[in-house]
Each structure stands twice: as C-alpha cells, then as structure tokens.
C-alpha cells in the first residue's frame, strides 16, 4: 500500500475555500451539503493539527536559541 502524501496547509486551504464556495452557492442537496460540511470540518481539523505542529517546532527552536544565547 502506497503512503498517502499529506497536503500542504495551502492546498488544504484551497480545498476548504472551494467547499465554502460550493456551500454558499446553495445548489446542493441537503445530503450533499452535509457531506461537504463534514469534509470541510475534517480539513479544518487537519489545518489546526498542522499549525500546532509548526508552533511546537518553533517553540523548540526558540528554547534552543535561548540556551545558546542566540
């Protein structure tokens, strides 16, 4: 089984923007709207997870710089 490549934050935001446009258009059935909403919520969670990971990496780098007096 091939490993799935994670989307970048930018790609995730682009996909989320398209979902929002589709939902705002109001041309979907209730079922399709719910599926798009659910997919959008998963994308938001993915973005939050990625941002938290980057924030943790920044904190580690900042702590390392303080120890060396940088």
N, C-alpha and C. Protein backbone atom coordinates (compact mmCIF):
# COMPACT_ATOMS: atom_id res chain seq x y z
N UNK A 1 0.85 -1.18 0.00
CA UNK A 1 0.00 0.00 0.00
C UNK A 1 0.89 1.24 0.00
N UNK A 2 0.67 2.14 -0.92
CA UNK A 2 1.48 3.36 -1.03
C UNK A 2 1.08 4.35 0.05
N UNK A 3 2.07 5.04 0.58
CA UNK A 3 1.81 6.05 1.60
C UNK A 3 1.14 7.26 0.96
N UNK A 4 0.16 7.80 1.63
CA UNK A 4 -0.57 8.95 1.12
C UNK A 4 0.20 10.22 1.46
N UNK A 5 0.42 11.07 0.45
CA UNK A 5 1.13 12.32 0.66
C UNK A 5 0.20 13.31 1.35
N UNK A 6 0.68 13.88 2.44
CA UNK A 6 -0.11 14.88 3.14
C UNK A 6 -0.16 16.16 2.31
N UNK A 7 -1.30 16.79 2.31
CA UNK A 7 -1.45 18.06 1.61
C UNK A 7 -0.78 19.16 2.42
N UNK A 8 -0.28 20.16 1.72
CA UNK A 8 0.27 21.31 2.41
C UNK A 8 -0.88 22.12 3.01
N UNK A 9 -0.54 23.00 3.91
CA UNK A 9 -1.57 23.86 4.51
C UNK A 9 -2.25 24.68 3.42
N UNK A 10 -1.46 25.17 2.47
CA UNK A 10 -2.01 25.98 1.38
C UNK A 10 -3.00 25.17 0.54
N UNK A 11 -2.64 23.93 0.22
CA UNK A 11 -3.54 23.07 -0.56
C UNK A 11 -4.83 22.79 0.21
N UNK A 12 -4.69 22.60 1.51
CA UNK A 12 -5.85 22.33 2.34
C UNK A 12 -6.77 23.55 2.38
N UNK A 13 -6.18 24.75 2.50
CA UNK A 13 -6.99 25.97 2.49
C UNK A 13 -7.70 26.15 1.15
N UNK A 14 -7.03 25.84 0.05
CA UNK A 14 -7.66 25.96 -1.26
C UNK A 14 -8.86 25.03 -1.38
N UNK A 15 -8.70 23.80 -0.92
CA UNK A 15 -9.80 22.85 -0.95
C UNK A 15 -10.95 23.32 -0.06
N UNK A 16 -10.61 23.87 1.09
CA UNK A 16 -11.63 24.39 2.00
C UNK A 16 -12.38 25.56 1.37
N UNK A 17 -11.65 26.44 0.70
CA UNK A 17 -12.30 27.57 0.03
C UNK A 17 -13.29 27.10 -1.02
N UNK A 18 -12.93 26.04 -1.76
CA UNK A 18 -13.85 25.52 -2.78
C UNK A 18 -15.10 24.95 -2.15
N UNK A 19 -14.95 24.26 -1.04
CA UNK A 19 -16.11 23.71 -0.33
C UNK A 19 -17.02 24.85 0.13
N UNK A 20 -16.43 25.91 0.66
CA UNK A 20 -17.22 27.05 1.14
C UNK A 20 -17.98 27.68 -0.03
N UNK A 21 -17.32 27.85 -1.17
CA UNK A 21 -18.00 28.41 -2.34
C UNK A 21 -19.16 27.53 -2.78
N UNK A 22 -18.93 26.21 -2.78
CA UNK A 22 -19.99 25.28 -3.17
C UNK A 22 -21.19 25.38 -2.22
N UNK A 23 -20.90 25.46 -0.92
CA UNK A 23 -21.99 25.55 0.06
C UNK A 23 -22.72 26.89 -0.06
N UNK A 24 -21.98 27.97 -0.29
CA UNK A 24 -22.62 29.28 -0.41
C UNK A 24 -23.48 29.39 -1.65
N UNK A 25 -23.13 28.63 -2.70
CA UNK A 25 -23.92 28.66 -3.93
C UNK A 25 -25.33 28.14 -3.69
N UNK A 26 -25.48 27.26 -2.71
CA UNK A 26 -26.81 26.76 -2.35
C UNK A 26 -27.44 25.86 -3.39
N UNK A 27 -26.64 25.25 -4.24
CA UNK A 27 -27.18 24.41 -5.31
C UNK A 27 -27.05 22.92 -5.01
N UNK A 28 -26.72 22.57 -3.79
CA UNK A 28 -26.54 21.18 -3.40
C UNK A 28 -27.77 20.68 -2.66
N UNK A 29 -27.94 19.36 -2.73
CA UNK A 29 -29.00 18.76 -1.92
C UNK A 29 -28.57 18.83 -0.47
N UNK A 30 -29.49 18.60 0.43
CA UNK A 30 -29.17 18.62 1.85
C UNK A 30 -28.10 17.58 2.17
N UNK A 31 -28.23 16.41 1.58
CA UNK A 31 -27.25 15.34 1.81
C UNK A 31 -25.86 15.74 1.31
N UNK A 32 -25.79 16.32 0.10
CA UNK A 32 -24.50 16.76 -0.44
C UNK A 32 -23.92 17.89 0.40
N UNK A 33 -24.76 18.79 0.85
CA UNK A 33 -24.30 19.89 1.70
C UNK A 33 -23.70 19.35 2.99
N UNK A 34 -24.35 18.36 3.57
CA UNK A 34 -23.84 17.78 4.80
C UNK A 34 -22.49 17.11 4.56
N UNK A 35 -22.35 16.40 3.43
CA UNK A 35 -21.08 15.74 3.11
C UNK A 35 -19.96 16.78 2.93
N UNK A 36 -20.28 17.88 2.26
CA UNK A 36 -19.29 18.94 2.07
C UNK A 36 -18.94 19.60 3.40
N UNK A 37 -19.94 19.80 4.23
CA UNK A 37 -19.70 20.38 5.57
C UNK A 37 -18.77 19.46 6.37
N UNK A 38 -19.06 18.17 6.33
CA UNK A 38 -18.24 17.21 7.06
C UNK A 38 -16.80 17.20 6.53
N UNK A 39 -16.65 17.23 5.21
CA UNK A 39 -15.31 17.27 4.61
C UNK A 39 -14.59 18.55 5.02
N UNK A 40 -15.31 19.67 5.06
CA UNK A 40 -14.72 20.93 5.47
C UNK A 40 -14.26 20.91 6.92
N UNK A 41 -15.03 20.30 7.78
CA UNK A 41 -14.64 20.21 9.19
C UNK A 41 -13.38 19.35 9.35
N UNK A 42 -13.26 18.30 8.56
CA UNK A 42 -12.06 17.47 8.60
C UNK A 42 -10.85 18.26 8.12
N UNK A 43 -11.05 19.10 7.10
CA UNK A 43 -9.95 19.93 6.60
C UNK A 43 -9.52 20.94 7.66
N UNK A 44 -10.49 21.52 8.35
CA UNK A 44 -10.16 22.49 9.41
C UNK A 44 -9.36 21.81 10.50
N UNK A 45 -9.76 20.61 10.89
CA UNK A 45 -9.01 19.88 11.92
C UNK A 45 -7.59 19.59 11.43
N UNK A 46 -7.46 19.20 10.19
CA UNK A 46 -6.15 18.93 9.62
C UNK A 46 -5.27 20.17 9.66
N UNK A 47 -5.84 21.32 9.30
CA UNK A 47 -5.09 22.58 9.34
C UNK A 47 -4.66 22.91 10.76
N UNK A 48 -5.58 22.77 11.70
CA UNK A 48 -5.25 23.04 13.11
C UNK A 48 -4.12 22.14 13.59
N UNK A 49 -4.17 20.88 13.23
CA UNK A 49 -3.12 19.94 13.63
C UNK A 49 -1.77 20.35 13.06
N UNK A 50 -1.76 20.73 11.79
CA UNK A 50 -0.51 21.14 11.14
C UNK A 50 0.04 22.42 11.76
N UNK A 51 -0.83 23.36 12.05
CA UNK A 51 -0.40 24.63 12.64
C UNK A 51 0.16 24.39 14.04
N UNK A 52 -0.50 23.54 14.82
CA UNK A 52 0.00 23.21 16.16
C UNK A 52 1.38 22.57 16.09
N UNK A 53 1.58 21.70 15.11
CA UNK A 53 2.87 21.04 14.95
C UNK A 53 3.97 22.08 14.66
N UNK A 54 3.67 23.02 13.78
CA UNK A 54 4.65 24.06 13.45
C UNK A 54 4.92 24.94 14.67
N UNK A 55 3.87 25.28 15.42
CA UNK A 55 4.05 26.09 16.63
C UNK A 55 4.97 25.40 17.62
N UNK A 56 4.80 24.09 17.79
CA UNK A 56 5.65 23.32 18.71
C UNK A 56 7.10 23.32 18.22
N UNK A 57 7.29 23.20 16.92
CA UNK A 57 8.65 23.22 16.36
C UNK A 57 9.30 24.58 16.60
N UNK A 58 8.53 25.65 16.46
CA UNK A 58 9.06 27.00 16.69
C UNK A 58 9.46 27.16 18.15
N UNK A 59 8.62 26.67 19.07
CA UNK A 59 8.96 26.76 20.49
C UNK A 59 10.25 26.01 20.81
N UNK A 60 10.43 24.84 20.21
CA UNK A 60 11.65 24.07 20.44
C UNK A 60 12.85 24.85 19.92
N UNK A 61 12.72 25.45 18.75
CA UNK A 61 13.82 26.23 18.18
C UNK A 61 14.13 27.45 19.04
N UNK A 62 13.09 28.12 19.54
CA UNK A 62 13.30 29.30 20.38
C UNK A 62 13.98 28.91 21.69
N UNK A 63 13.58 27.80 22.27
CA UNK A 63 14.21 27.36 23.52
C UNK A 63 15.67 27.02 23.29
N UNK A 64 15.99 26.39 22.18
CA UNK A 64 17.37 26.05 21.85
C UNK A 64 18.21 27.28 21.64
N UNK A 65 17.64 28.31 21.03
CA UNK A 65 18.37 29.55 20.80
C UNK A 65 18.65 30.29 22.08
N UNK A 66 17.74 30.26 23.03
CA UNK A 66 17.93 30.93 24.31
C UNK A 66 19.04 30.27 25.10
N UNK A 67 19.14 28.95 25.03
CA UNK A 67 20.17 28.24 25.78
C UNK A 67 21.58 28.59 25.27
N UNK A 68 21.70 28.83 23.98
CA UNK A 68 22.98 29.15 23.41
C UNK A 68 23.28 30.64 23.44
N UNK A 69 22.30 31.42 23.88
CA UNK A 69 22.48 32.86 23.91
C UNK A 69 22.34 33.52 22.58
N UNK A 70 21.65 32.89 21.67
CA UNK A 70 21.45 33.43 20.33
C UNK A 70 20.33 34.41 20.31
